[in-house]
């Protein structure tokens, strides 16, 4: 019981500091970007990128934050190897020339202490575009084995792949790509 009490005190003490941002490192087992795009107007193609690497700085008291993510495009996975290889080609992800995409954001939206979304820049194929992500769920808890705070959530957004020069297959494969981002970070 004493060890548990010490862990709780260690966790609560930094959280109580007003205006002090907390730094979280993404857990690669729980951090991925999923995508969906309509294919020939009939079915939705789905895949994922990850695991993601990055850090999040979050100051819930001040309603501020910063996020920097690395998204490995060469690791795209749809479950169909031939399709994955096609997505990596120069007219789509151009994974050989640009093996990573990057997302950074410093505009965070809060409703009281609750994170509701963020606005940032996605760099893909050496093109940077603004992307807004809406929080569908966000929460934090004390991880019992790590004795550290873990925060994470699910976010949604959209982009137009043509804005990044990935226009192969249009209009048969939709320009609009839905993003579903799953992240979990461990407080450092």
Protein backbone atom coordinates (compact mmCIF):
# COMPACT_ATOMS: atom_id res chain seq x y z
CA UNK A 1 0.00 0.00 0.00
CA UNK A 2 2.84 2.38 0.83
CA UNK A 3 4.41 1.83 -2.62
CA UNK A 4 1.07 2.55 -4.30
CA UNK A 5 0.66 5.73 -2.24
CA UNK A 6 4.17 6.89 -3.22
CA UNK A 7 3.43 6.23 -6.89
CA UNK A 8 0.20 8.23 -6.67
CA UNK A 9 1.99 11.12 -4.98
CA UNK A 10 4.77 11.07 -7.58
CA UNK A 11 2.18 11.18 -10.35
CA UNK A 12 -0.03 13.83 -8.75
CA UNK A 13 2.74 16.26 -7.77
CA UNK A 14 3.77 17.31 -11.32
CA UNK A 15 0.13 17.34 -12.44
CA UNK A 16 -0.72 19.86 -9.77
CA UNK A 17 1.79 22.41 -11.04
CA UNK A 18 -0.13 25.17 -12.79
CA UNK A 19 0.90 26.02 -16.30
CA UNK A 20 3.62 23.39 -16.45
CA UNK A 21 3.39 21.38 -19.65
CA UNK A 22 3.66 17.61 -19.48
CA UNK A 23 5.71 15.75 -22.11
CA UNK A 24 4.44 12.43 -23.48
CA UNK A 25 6.29 10.01 -25.76
CA UNK A 26 4.02 8.00 -28.07
CA UNK A 27 3.66 4.31 -27.33
CA UNK A 28 4.32 2.53 -30.65
CA UNK A 29 1.99 -0.33 -29.69
CA UNK A 30 -0.97 2.07 -29.46
CA UNK A 31 -0.27 4.81 -32.04
CA UNK A 32 -1.39 4.48 -35.68
CA UNK A 33 -3.02 6.47 -38.49
CA UNK A 34 -5.84 4.66 -40.28
CA UNK A 35 -7.18 5.87 -43.62
CA UNK A 36 -10.29 5.26 -45.71
CA UNK A 37 -10.93 6.15 -49.35
CA UNK A 38 -13.91 5.30 -51.58
CA UNK A 39 -12.95 2.94 -54.42
CA UNK A 40 -14.90 3.06 -57.71
CA UNK A 41 -17.95 4.34 -55.82
CA UNK A 42 -18.59 0.87 -54.42
CA UNK A 43 -16.43 0.00 -51.45
CA UNK A 44 -14.07 1.68 -49.04
CA UNK A 45 -10.37 0.86 -49.09
CA UNK A 46 -8.82 0.91 -45.63
CA UNK A 47 -5.26 0.81 -44.39
CA UNK A 48 -2.91 2.08 -41.78
CA UNK A 49 0.43 3.73 -41.19
CA UNK A 50 2.49 3.07 -38.15
CA UNK A 51 3.54 2.65 -35.60
CA UNK A 52 3.87 6.41 -35.16
CA UNK A 53 6.81 8.03 -33.44
CA UNK A 54 6.63 11.36 -31.69
CA UNK A 55 6.06 13.49 -28.67
CA UNK A 56 3.22 15.56 -27.32
CA UNK A 57 3.57 18.51 -24.99
CA UNK A 58 0.28 19.20 -23.21
CA UNK A 59 -0.66 21.94 -20.76
CA UNK A 60 -4.31 21.35 -19.91
CA UNK A 61 -4.37 24.25 -17.43
CA UNK A 62 -3.23 26.76 -20.07
CA UNK A 63 -5.21 25.05 -22.85
CA UNK A 64 -2.09 24.69 -24.98
CA UNK A 65 0.09 22.04 -26.52
CA UNK A 66 2.46 20.96 -29.23
CA UNK A 67 2.68 17.68 -31.12
CA UNK A 68 5.33 16.35 -33.50
CA UNK A 69 4.72 13.00 -35.22
CA UNK A 70 6.64 10.92 -37.75
CA UNK A 71 4.43 8.76 -39.97
CA UNK A 72 6.28 6.02 -41.92
CA UNK A 73 4.75 5.93 -45.42
CA UNK A 74 6.94 2.99 -46.43
CA UNK A 75 5.13 0.89 -43.82
CA UNK A 76 1.65 1.42 -45.28
CA UNK A 77 -0.50 -1.66 -44.77
CA UNK A 78 -3.88 -2.54 -46.26
CA UNK A 79 -3.61 -6.28 -45.76
CA UNK A 80 -3.00 -6.78 -49.50
CA UNK A 81 0.72 -6.79 -50.38
CA UNK A 82 0.21 -5.93 -54.06
CA UNK A 83 -1.93 -2.93 -53.18
CA UNK A 84 0.57 -1.81 -50.51
CA UNK A 85 3.34 -1.87 -53.13
CA UNK A 86 1.14 0.16 -55.52
CA UNK A 87 0.48 2.79 -52.82
CA UNK A 88 4.25 3.26 -52.33
CA UNK A 89 4.77 4.19 -56.02
CA UNK A 90 5.91 7.72 -57.04
CA UNK A 91 2.43 8.81 -58.20
CA UNK A 92 0.88 8.07 -54.80
CA UNK A 93 2.90 8.03 -51.56
CA UNK A 94 6.34 8.18 -53.24
CA UNK A 95 7.70 6.22 -50.28
CA UNK A 96 11.19 5.75 -51.72
CA UNK A 97 11.74 9.49 -52.11
CA UNK A 98 9.70 10.40 -48.99
CA UNK A 99 9.74 7.48 -46.54
CA UNK A 100 8.11 9.57 -43.82
CA UNK A 101 5.31 12.07 -43.50
CA UNK A 102 5.28 14.51 -40.59
CA UNK A 103 2.50 16.14 -38.59
CA UNK A 104 3.09 19.08 -36.26
CA UNK A 105 0.49 21.11 -34.41
CA UNK A 106 0.52 23.93 -31.90
CA UNK A 107 -3.15 24.94 -32.08
CA UNK A 108 -5.10 22.88 -29.54
CA UNK A 109 -8.82 23.27 -28.84
CA UNK A 110 -10.25 22.67 -25.38
CA UNK A 111 -13.70 22.74 -23.82
CA UNK A 112 -12.67 23.44 -20.23
CA UNK A 113 -10.06 20.82 -19.38
CA UNK A 114 -11.18 18.49 -22.20
CA UNK A 115 -9.13 18.37 -25.40
CA UNK A 116 -11.55 18.57 -28.35
CA UNK A 117 -9.21 18.89 -31.32
CA UNK A 118 -6.11 20.34 -32.89
CA UNK A 119 -5.01 22.10 -36.05
CA UNK A 120 -1.63 21.43 -37.59
CA UNK A 121 0.46 20.88 -40.68
CA UNK A 122 0.82 17.56 -42.48
CA UNK A 123 3.91 17.26 -44.68
CA UNK A 124 3.55 14.49 -47.24
CA UNK A 125 5.54 14.15 -50.50
CA UNK A 126 7.31 17.42 -49.62
CA UNK A 127 3.96 19.29 -49.63
CA UNK A 128 2.57 20.88 -46.48
CA UNK A 129 -1.17 21.32 -45.89
CA UNK A 130 -3.27 22.29 -42.86
CA UNK A 131 -5.21 19.40 -41.31
CA UNK A 132 -7.72 19.63 -38.48
CA UNK A 133 -8.22 16.63 -36.21
CA UNK A 134 -11.33 16.37 -34.03
CA UNK A 135 -11.08 14.43 -30.80
CA UNK A 136 -13.67 11.66 -30.63
CA UNK A 137 -12.32 10.57 -27.27
CA UNK A 138 -9.43 11.72 -25.09
CA UNK A 139 -8.48 10.67 -21.57
CA UNK A 140 -5.67 10.10 -19.12
CA UNK A 141 -5.04 7.58 -16.36
CA UNK A 142 -2.31 6.31 -14.09
CA UNK A 143 -0.84 3.18 -15.67
CA UNK A 144 -0.58 0.54 -12.90
CA UNK A 145 2.58 -1.18 -14.20
CA UNK A 146 4.44 1.94 -15.35
CA UNK A 147 3.37 4.09 -12.37
CA UNK A 148 3.13 6.98 -14.86
CA UNK A 149 0.35 8.98 -16.42
CA UNK A 150 -0.75 7.73 -19.84
CA UNK A 151 -2.92 9.92 -22.08
CA UNK A 152 -4.46 9.01 -25.38
CA UNK A 153 -7.38 9.28 -27.67
CA UNK A 154 -9.02 8.85 -31.02
CA UNK A 155 -9.08 11.68 -33.55
CA UNK A 156 -10.68 12.11 -36.97
CA UNK A 157 -9.94 14.34 -39.92
CA UNK A 158 -9.92 14.55 -43.71
CA UNK A 159 -7.56 15.52 -46.47
CA UNK A 160 -7.61 15.71 -50.23
CA UNK A 161 -4.84 13.51 -51.59
CA UNK A 162 -4.65 15.58 -54.78
CA UNK A 163 -3.48 18.55 -52.67
CA UNK A 164 -0.34 16.49 -51.96
CA UNK A 165 0.20 15.46 -55.60
CA UNK A 166 -1.14 11.91 -55.06
CA UNK A 167 -3.77 12.00 -57.80
CA UNK A 168 -3.36 8.59 -59.47
CA UNK A 169 -6.70 6.87 -60.10
CA UNK A 170 -8.93 9.91 -59.70
CA UNK A 171 -11.86 10.15 -60.15
CA UNK A 172 -12.33 6.38 -59.81
CA UNK A 173 -10.61 6.42 -56.46
CA UNK A 174 -11.92 9.35 -54.43
CA UNK A 175 -9.82 12.42 -53.74
CA UNK A 176 -11.17 12.66 -50.18
CA UNK A 177 -9.35 10.56 -47.59
CA UNK A 178 -10.76 10.10 -44.11
CA UNK A 179 -8.21 9.84 -41.32
CA UNK A 180 -8.66 8.10 -37.99
CA UNK A 181 -5.76 8.63 -35.63
CA UNK A 182 -5.20 6.50 -32.54
CA UNK A 183 -2.52 7.71 -30.12
CA UNK A 184 -1.38 6.90 -26.62
CA UNK A 185 1.55 8.57 -24.90
CA UNK A 186 3.46 7.90 -21.69
CA UNK A 187 4.38 10.87 -19.56
CA UNK A 188 8.14 11.41 -19.37
